[in-house]
N, C-alpha and C. Protein backbone atom coordinates (compact mmCIF):
# COMPACT_ATOMS: atom_id res chain seq x y z
N MET A 1 59.87 59.62 148.62
CA MET A 1 59.42 59.93 147.51
C MET A 1 57.64 59.42 147.29
N PHE A 2 57.63 57.77 148.21
CA PHE A 2 56.66 57.31 147.79
C PHE A 2 55.63 58.23 149.30
N SER A 3 56.03 58.76 149.82
CA SER A 3 54.80 58.98 150.38
C SER A 3 54.47 60.90 149.42
N ARG A 4 55.22 61.42 149.14
CA ARG A 4 54.85 62.30 148.28
C ARG A 4 54.16 61.62 147.42
N PHE A 5 54.41 60.55 146.37
CA PHE A 5 53.31 59.76 144.90
C PHE A 5 51.64 59.91 146.43
N ASN A 6 51.95 58.95 147.34
CA ASN A 6 50.51 58.91 147.97
C ASN A 6 49.88 60.08 148.35
N GLY A 7 50.27 61.45 148.67
CA GLY A 7 49.80 62.89 148.74
C GLY A 7 49.29 63.17 147.35
N ALA A 8 49.97 62.97 146.42
CA ALA A 8 49.31 63.41 144.94
C ALA A 8 48.46 62.48 144.85
N LEU A 9 48.66 61.49 144.71
CA LEU A 9 47.11 60.57 144.52
C LEU A 9 45.70 61.09 145.15
N ALA A 10 45.69 61.31 146.34
CA ALA A 10 44.83 61.95 147.10
C ALA A 10 44.37 63.09 146.56
N VAL A 11 45.28 63.40 146.39
CA VAL A 11 44.56 65.34 145.43
C VAL A 11 44.01 65.12 144.80
N ALA A 12 44.74 64.26 143.53
CA ALA A 12 44.09 63.89 142.34
C ALA A 12 42.73 63.42 142.10
N ILE A 13 42.96 62.31 143.61
CA ILE A 13 41.63 61.35 143.16
C ILE A 13 40.49 62.68 143.96
N GLU A 14 40.68 63.78 145.13
CA GLU A 14 39.40 64.54 145.26
C GLU A 14 39.33 65.75 144.06
N ALA A 15 40.69 66.23 143.95
CA ALA A 15 39.88 66.85 142.34
C ALA A 15 39.35 65.97 141.56
N GLU A 16 39.56 64.79 140.89
CA GLU A 16 38.53 64.13 139.74
C GLU A 16 37.24 64.05 140.88
N ARG A 17 37.02 63.83 141.78
CA ARG A 17 35.63 63.98 142.34
C ARG A 17 34.62 65.18 142.46
N ASP A 18 35.67 66.32 142.38
CA ASP A 18 35.31 68.13 142.03
C ASP A 18 34.42 68.11 141.07
N ILE A 19 34.93 67.24 140.16
CA ILE A 19 34.16 67.48 138.56
C ILE A 19 33.37 66.51 138.05
N THR A 20 33.10 65.54 138.81
CA THR A 20 32.29 64.62 138.67
C THR A 20 30.97 64.87 138.14
N ASP A 21 30.21 64.40 137.39
CA ASP A 21 28.72 64.85 137.27
C ASP A 21 29.15 67.12 136.97
N ILE A 22 29.32 67.19 136.17
CA ILE A 22 29.94 68.52 135.49
C ILE A 22 29.95 68.88 134.25
N ASP A 23 29.48 70.43 133.78
CA ASP A 23 29.03 70.00 132.49
C ASP A 23 30.79 70.41 131.77
N VAL A 24 31.58 69.55 131.49
CA VAL A 24 32.68 69.82 130.65
C VAL A 24 33.01 70.79 129.47
N TRP A 25 31.52 71.19 129.03
CA TRP A 25 31.59 72.10 127.97
C TRP A 25 31.74 73.41 128.65
N ASP A 26 31.23 73.96 130.23
CA ASP A 26 30.89 75.04 130.32
C ASP A 26 31.85 75.92 130.70
N PRO A 27 32.37 76.64 130.44
CA PRO A 27 33.59 77.63 130.85
C PRO A 27 33.64 77.78 132.11
N ALA A 28 32.76 78.19 133.21
CA ALA A 28 33.16 78.31 134.53
C ALA A 28 33.66 77.24 135.31
N VAL A 29 33.93 76.28 134.36
CA VAL A 29 34.81 74.81 134.96
C VAL A 29 36.04 74.81 134.03
N ASN A 30 36.49 75.34 132.87
CA ASN A 30 37.35 74.87 132.95
C ASN A 30 38.76 74.99 133.82
N SER A 31 39.03 76.27 134.97
CA SER A 31 40.06 75.75 135.59
C SER A 31 40.06 74.07 136.35
N TRP A 32 39.02 73.57 136.90
CA TRP A 32 39.05 72.83 137.98
C TRP A 32 39.41 71.78 136.56
N LEU A 33 39.02 71.24 135.66
CA LEU A 33 39.34 70.68 134.87
C LEU A 33 40.78 70.48 134.47
N ARG A 34 41.77 72.14 134.12
CA ARG A 34 42.57 71.73 134.24
C ARG A 34 44.18 71.65 135.01
N GLU A 35 43.22 72.03 136.55
CA GLU A 35 43.56 71.57 138.01
C GLU A 35 43.68 70.31 138.10
N ALA A 36 42.53 69.42 137.76
CA ALA A 36 42.67 68.07 137.83
C ALA A 36 43.70 67.16 136.55
N GLU A 37 43.70 68.00 136.03
CA GLU A 37 44.93 67.27 134.84
C GLU A 37 46.32 67.56 135.58
N ARG A 38 46.21 68.31 135.75
CA ARG A 38 47.69 68.42 136.27
C ARG A 38 48.21 68.06 137.55
N ASN A 39 47.29 68.17 138.39
CA ASN A 39 47.28 66.61 139.23
C ASN A 39 47.66 65.50 139.42
N TRP A 40 46.79 65.07 138.06
CA TRP A 40 46.76 63.65 137.57
C TRP A 40 48.43 63.45 136.84
N ASP A 41 48.78 64.87 136.40
CA ASP A 41 50.25 64.81 135.83
C ASP A 41 51.40 64.95 136.81
N VAL A 42 50.94 65.28 138.44
CA VAL A 42 52.27 64.98 138.94
C VAL A 42 51.99 63.88 139.48
N VAL A 43 51.29 63.05 139.84
CA VAL A 43 51.10 61.75 139.91
C VAL A 43 51.70 60.65 139.25
N PHE A 44 51.57 61.01 137.86
CA PHE A 44 52.68 60.23 136.33
C PHE A 44 53.97 60.33 136.82
N ASP A 45 54.31 61.74 136.77
CA ASP A 45 55.70 61.79 136.76
C ASP A 45 56.31 61.57 137.92
N LEU A 46 55.48 61.09 139.58
CA LEU A 46 56.12 60.79 140.35
C LEU A 46 56.26 59.08 140.08
N ARG A 47 55.36 58.80 139.62
CA ARG A 47 55.29 57.40 139.26
C ARG A 47 56.42 56.90 138.51
N ARG A 48 56.74 57.59 137.71
CA ARG A 48 57.78 57.39 136.55
C ARG A 48 59.07 57.74 137.26
N ALA A 49 59.49 58.73 138.09
CA ALA A 49 60.55 58.94 139.26
C ALA A 49 60.58 57.76 140.64
N LEU A 50 59.67 56.81 140.62
CA LEU A 50 59.67 55.85 141.67
C LEU A 50 60.27 54.21 141.11
N ARG A 51 59.89 54.88 139.50
CA ARG A 51 60.01 53.28 138.82
C ARG A 51 61.51 53.59 138.09
N GLU A 52 62.43 54.72 138.52
CA GLU A 52 63.24 54.84 137.69
C GLU A 52 64.30 54.70 139.07
N ALA A 53 63.71 54.84 140.49
CA ALA A 53 64.30 54.70 141.75
C ALA A 53 65.04 53.80 142.34
N ALA A 54 66.20 53.79 142.71
CA ALA A 54 67.19 52.75 143.21
C ALA A 54 66.41 52.35 144.50
N VAL A 55 66.86 50.57 144.56
CA VAL A 55 66.50 50.36 145.92
C VAL A 55 67.18 50.03 146.68
N THR A 56 67.00 50.99 147.90
CA THR A 56 68.12 51.25 148.68
C THR A 56 67.52 50.76 150.17
N GLN A 57 66.58 50.29 150.36
CA GLN A 57 66.25 50.22 152.02
C GLN A 57 65.21 48.79 152.19
N ALA A 58 65.06 48.32 152.78
CA ALA A 58 64.61 46.92 153.05
C ALA A 58 63.15 47.35 152.45
N GLY A 59 62.27 48.41 152.68
CA GLY A 59 61.07 48.42 152.39
C GLY A 59 60.37 48.59 150.68
N ASP A 60 61.77 48.95 150.27
CA ASP A 60 61.82 49.69 148.63
C ASP A 60 61.36 48.59 147.98
N ALA A 61 61.72 47.42 147.70
CA ALA A 61 61.15 46.55 147.03
C ALA A 61 59.37 46.71 147.04
N ALA A 62 58.84 46.85 148.02
CA ALA A 62 56.78 46.39 148.57
C ALA A 62 56.93 48.04 147.96
N LEU A 63 57.41 48.82 148.12
CA LEU A 63 56.69 50.23 147.43
C LEU A 63 56.95 50.29 145.73
N LEU A 64 58.16 49.51 145.71
CA LEU A 64 57.95 49.69 144.11
C LEU A 64 57.34 48.91 143.22
N ALA A 65 56.82 47.96 144.07
CA ALA A 65 55.72 46.67 143.68
C ALA A 65 54.22 47.34 143.66
N MET A 66 54.33 48.38 144.42
CA MET A 66 52.82 48.88 144.80
C MET A 66 52.78 49.83 142.92
N VAL A 67 53.98 50.42 143.43
CA VAL A 67 54.13 51.31 142.18
C VAL A 67 53.97 50.42 140.61
N ARG A 68 54.55 49.23 140.68
CA ARG A 68 54.04 48.56 139.43
C ARG A 68 52.89 48.59 139.36
N ILE A 69 52.05 48.21 140.50
CA ILE A 69 50.49 47.77 140.17
C ILE A 69 49.74 49.02 139.98
N ALA A 70 50.17 50.45 140.48
CA ALA A 70 49.26 51.42 140.41
C ALA A 70 49.59 51.87 138.74
N ASP A 71 50.88 51.40 137.60
CA ASP A 71 51.29 51.52 136.44
C ASP A 71 49.93 50.60 136.04
N ALA A 72 50.05 49.00 136.64
CA ALA A 72 48.44 48.40 135.96
C ALA A 72 47.52 48.91 136.19
N VAL A 73 47.13 49.54 136.69
CA VAL A 73 45.77 50.08 137.27
C VAL A 73 45.10 51.05 136.18
N MET A 74 46.57 52.60 136.52
CA MET A 74 46.19 53.46 135.65
C MET A 74 46.71 53.26 134.31
N GLY A 75 47.53 52.49 133.72
CA GLY A 75 47.70 52.20 132.52
C GLY A 75 46.91 50.88 131.63
N SER A 76 45.51 50.82 132.14
CA SER A 76 45.00 49.70 131.44
C SER A 76 43.90 50.16 130.08
N GLU A 77 43.96 50.00 128.91
CA GLU A 77 43.20 50.55 128.24
C GLU A 77 42.29 49.68 127.65
N ASN A 78 41.90 48.28 127.97
CA ASN A 78 40.82 47.59 128.10
C ASN A 78 40.85 46.93 128.28
N VAL A 79 39.25 45.86 128.37
CA VAL A 79 38.53 45.30 129.76
C VAL A 79 39.21 43.82 130.40
N ILE A 80 40.62 43.72 129.15
CA ILE A 80 41.67 42.62 129.76
C ILE A 80 42.89 42.96 130.35
N ASP A 81 43.39 44.38 130.16
CA ASP A 81 44.26 45.17 130.98
C ASP A 81 43.87 45.70 132.02
N PHE A 82 42.31 45.96 131.94
CA PHE A 82 41.67 46.50 133.47
C PHE A 82 41.87 45.02 134.68
N GLY A 83 41.01 43.74 134.01
CA GLY A 83 40.85 42.92 134.80
C GLY A 83 41.96 42.55 135.23
N THR A 84 43.20 42.49 134.19
CA THR A 84 44.63 42.31 134.91
C THR A 84 45.34 42.72 136.25
N ALA A 85 44.78 44.27 136.24
CA ALA A 85 44.80 45.58 136.56
C ALA A 85 44.16 45.36 137.91
N ASP A 86 43.20 44.65 138.27
CA ASP A 86 42.14 44.47 139.23
C ASP A 86 42.50 43.09 139.81
N ASN A 87 42.60 42.38 138.94
CA ASN A 87 43.79 40.85 140.04
C ASN A 87 44.73 41.36 140.57
N ARG A 88 45.64 42.17 139.93
CA ARG A 88 46.92 42.31 140.35
C ARG A 88 46.47 43.29 141.90
N LEU A 89 45.41 43.83 142.01
CA LEU A 89 44.93 44.64 143.07
C LEU A 89 44.83 43.80 143.96
N ARG A 90 43.96 42.72 144.08
CA ARG A 90 42.94 42.32 144.57
C ARG A 90 44.16 40.65 145.42
N ALA A 91 45.28 40.97 144.63
CA ALA A 91 46.04 39.91 144.91
C ALA A 91 47.13 40.87 146.09
N ALA A 92 47.01 41.62 145.66
CA ALA A 92 48.25 42.33 146.65
C ALA A 92 46.96 42.88 147.97
N THR A 93 46.26 42.92 147.67
CA THR A 93 45.03 42.71 149.19
C THR A 93 45.47 41.57 149.75
N PHE A 94 45.28 40.25 149.53
CA PHE A 94 45.61 38.77 149.88
C PHE A 94 47.06 38.94 150.48
N PHE A 95 47.93 39.31 150.05
CA PHE A 95 49.17 39.47 150.39
C PHE A 95 49.38 40.07 151.44
N ARG A 96 48.67 41.51 151.88
CA ARG A 96 48.75 42.47 152.57
C ARG A 96 48.07 41.78 153.87
N GLN A 97 46.86 41.17 153.84
CA GLN A 97 46.33 41.06 155.13
C GLN A 97 46.93 39.75 155.60
N ARG A 98 47.11 38.39 154.90
CA ARG A 98 47.56 37.20 155.24
C ARG A 98 49.22 37.11 155.40
N LEU A 99 50.06 37.73 154.32
CA LEU A 99 51.39 37.34 154.34
C LEU A 99 52.20 38.27 154.65
N GLY A 100 52.00 39.51 154.34
CA GLY A 100 52.87 40.77 154.27
C GLY A 100 53.45 41.81 155.21
N ARG A 101 52.30 41.74 156.09
CA ARG A 101 52.55 42.99 157.36
C ARG A 101 53.83 42.77 158.01
N GLY A 102 54.15 41.61 158.43
CA GLY A 102 55.58 41.67 159.01
C GLY A 102 56.61 41.56 158.29
N CYS A 103 56.58 42.02 156.75
CA CYS A 103 57.77 41.59 156.00
C CYS A 103 58.47 42.90 155.86
N VAL A 104 57.80 43.92 156.45
CA VAL A 104 58.39 45.67 155.82
C VAL A 104 58.31 46.24 157.28
N PRO A 105 58.94 47.36 157.72
CA PRO A 105 58.82 48.33 158.85
C PRO A 105 57.27 48.80 158.50
N HIS A 106 57.14 48.96 159.75
CA HIS A 106 55.55 49.37 160.02
C HIS A 106 55.52 50.67 159.32
N HIS A 107 56.61 51.90 159.17
CA HIS A 107 55.80 52.51 158.38
C HIS A 107 56.24 52.27 157.07
N VAL A 108 56.14 52.17 155.99
CA VAL A 108 56.34 51.42 155.05
C VAL A 108 54.80 50.97 154.96
N SER A 109 54.67 49.63 155.93
CA SER A 109 53.34 48.94 155.80
C SER A 109 52.27 49.67 155.86
N HIS A 110 51.86 50.93 156.94
CA HIS A 110 51.03 52.06 156.35
C HIS A 110 51.33 52.98 155.01
N MET A 111 52.03 53.08 154.62
CA MET A 111 52.49 53.61 153.20
C MET A 111 52.05 52.89 152.34
N LEU A 112 52.13 51.58 152.35
CA LEU A 112 51.13 50.37 151.60
C LEU A 112 49.83 50.40 151.70
N ASP A 113 49.76 50.42 152.82
CA ASP A 113 48.42 50.34 153.05
C ASP A 113 47.27 51.38 152.58
N GLN A 114 48.20 52.71 153.02
CA GLN A 114 47.12 54.11 151.83
C GLN A 114 47.30 53.58 150.60
N CYS A 115 48.51 53.60 149.88
CA CYS A 115 47.85 53.50 148.11
C CYS A 115 47.69 52.52 147.77
N HIS A 116 47.44 51.45 148.35
CA HIS A 116 46.08 49.81 148.23
C HIS A 116 44.63 51.36 148.33
N ALA A 117 44.51 51.65 149.47
CA ALA A 117 43.55 52.05 149.88
C ALA A 117 42.85 53.29 147.95
N ARG A 118 44.43 54.06 148.22
CA ARG A 118 43.95 54.83 147.04
C ARG A 118 43.51 54.69 145.45
N LEU A 119 44.30 53.38 145.21
CA LEU A 119 44.35 52.80 144.09
C LEU A 119 43.07 51.72 143.96
N SER A 120 42.43 51.11 145.03
CA SER A 120 41.23 50.87 145.24
C SER A 120 40.08 51.78 144.37
N THR A 121 40.45 52.97 145.12
CA THR A 121 39.61 54.24 144.97
C THR A 121 39.55 54.77 143.32
N VAL A 122 40.59 54.54 143.02
CA VAL A 122 41.08 54.98 141.39
C VAL A 122 40.44 53.86 140.67
N ILE A 123 40.48 52.47 140.55
CA ILE A 123 40.18 51.56 139.63
C ILE A 123 38.64 51.61 139.88
N ARG A 124 38.09 52.61 140.65
CA ARG A 124 36.50 52.18 140.67
C ARG A 124 36.22 53.65 140.00
N MET A 125 37.17 54.52 139.79
CA MET A 125 36.58 55.26 139.37
C MET A 125 36.09 55.59 137.65
N GLU A 126 35.25 56.47 137.20
CA GLU A 126 34.67 56.42 135.66
C GLU A 126 36.21 56.65 134.33
N LEU A 127 36.81 57.81 135.41
CA LEU A 127 37.73 58.03 134.53
C LEU A 127 38.82 56.83 134.12
N TYR A 128 38.74 55.95 134.87
CA TYR A 128 39.74 54.62 134.58
C TYR A 128 39.05 53.33 134.34
N GLN A 129 37.28 53.11 133.53
CA GLN A 129 36.69 52.16 133.41
C GLN A 129 37.34 51.78 132.23
N PRO A 130 37.51 50.76 131.80
CA PRO A 130 38.06 50.23 130.18
C PRO A 130 36.93 50.95 129.35
N VAL A 131 37.08 51.04 127.98
CA VAL A 131 35.96 50.71 127.40
C VAL A 131 35.36 49.46 126.82
N CYS A 132 34.74 48.90 126.67
CA CYS A 132 33.96 47.83 126.12
C CYS A 132 34.57 47.45 125.35
N ASP A 133 35.02 46.58 124.38
CA ASP A 133 35.43 46.10 123.23
C ASP A 133 35.26 44.42 123.31
N LEU A 134 33.63 43.86 122.46
CA LEU A 134 33.47 42.47 122.87
C LEU A 134 35.11 41.70 121.87
N ASP A 135 35.65 42.28 120.92
CA ASP A 135 36.70 41.51 119.99
C ASP A 135 37.27 41.15 121.42
N ASP A 136 37.62 41.95 122.75
CA ASP A 136 38.59 41.91 123.09
C ASP A 136 38.42 40.78 124.19
N LEU A 137 37.09 40.51 124.90
CA LEU A 137 36.43 39.86 125.46
C LEU A 137 37.18 38.22 124.81
N HIS A 138 37.71 37.08 125.89
CA HIS A 138 37.38 35.73 125.24
C HIS A 138 35.84 35.23 125.60
N ASP A 139 35.66 34.11 124.70
CA ASP A 139 34.21 33.20 124.91
C ASP A 139 33.75 33.76 126.49
N GLY A 140 32.43 33.73 126.01
CA GLY A 140 31.99 33.61 127.34
C GLY A 140 32.22 34.68 128.53
N LEU A 141 33.09 35.48 128.41
CA LEU A 141 33.55 36.51 129.29
C LEU A 141 32.45 37.30 129.31
N GLN A 142 31.50 38.16 128.69
CA GLN A 142 30.88 39.10 128.62
C GLN A 142 29.44 38.62 129.42
N TYR A 143 29.50 37.73 129.53
CA TYR A 143 28.10 37.00 130.18
C TYR A 143 28.87 36.83 131.65
N ALA A 144 29.84 36.17 131.88
CA ALA A 144 30.67 35.89 132.84
C ALA A 144 30.98 37.34 134.23
N TRP A 145 31.05 38.11 132.97
CA TRP A 145 31.60 39.71 134.06
C TRP A 145 30.77 41.02 132.85
N PRO A 146 29.20 41.04 133.63
CA PRO A 146 28.55 41.69 132.55
C PRO A 146 29.04 43.05 132.97
N GLU A 147 29.54 43.16 134.12
CA GLU A 147 29.39 44.91 134.40
C GLU A 147 30.83 45.45 133.83
N ALA A 148 31.33 44.26 133.18
CA ALA A 148 32.63 44.98 132.46
C ALA A 148 32.26 45.40 130.86
N CYS A 149 31.11 45.68 130.17
CA CYS A 149 30.41 46.20 129.23
C CYS A 149 29.49 47.07 129.71
């Protein structure tokens, strides 16, 4: 099921790229917008199914950890949540590069690498950029992390 999630994520990213910089009020692009929305719905449904799946094989725990990172990336609603999701994605990079490649079977490692690359793309998409509310930022964070606002 994780490979289906990876595939759905790739399709949703591509659909989102197709509608970048278009006039959303143009009736000619309504079908593209609906298709992009359906693609993200598939991603969300697969994420939910993966979270509820039982751990039955050695690599399942690592795959479920990546699903939890996907939850954090796609569920961030403010700058603090977004920063936490970004940190978790970066920590997964460190873990995968330094410690984790030999811990799981090769095919699982490959799926994790694919998912990580796709989540790295998602976190940079305008769709998932948080709305900046200065009340959410800790003192000085808006100066230390100016691109957040």
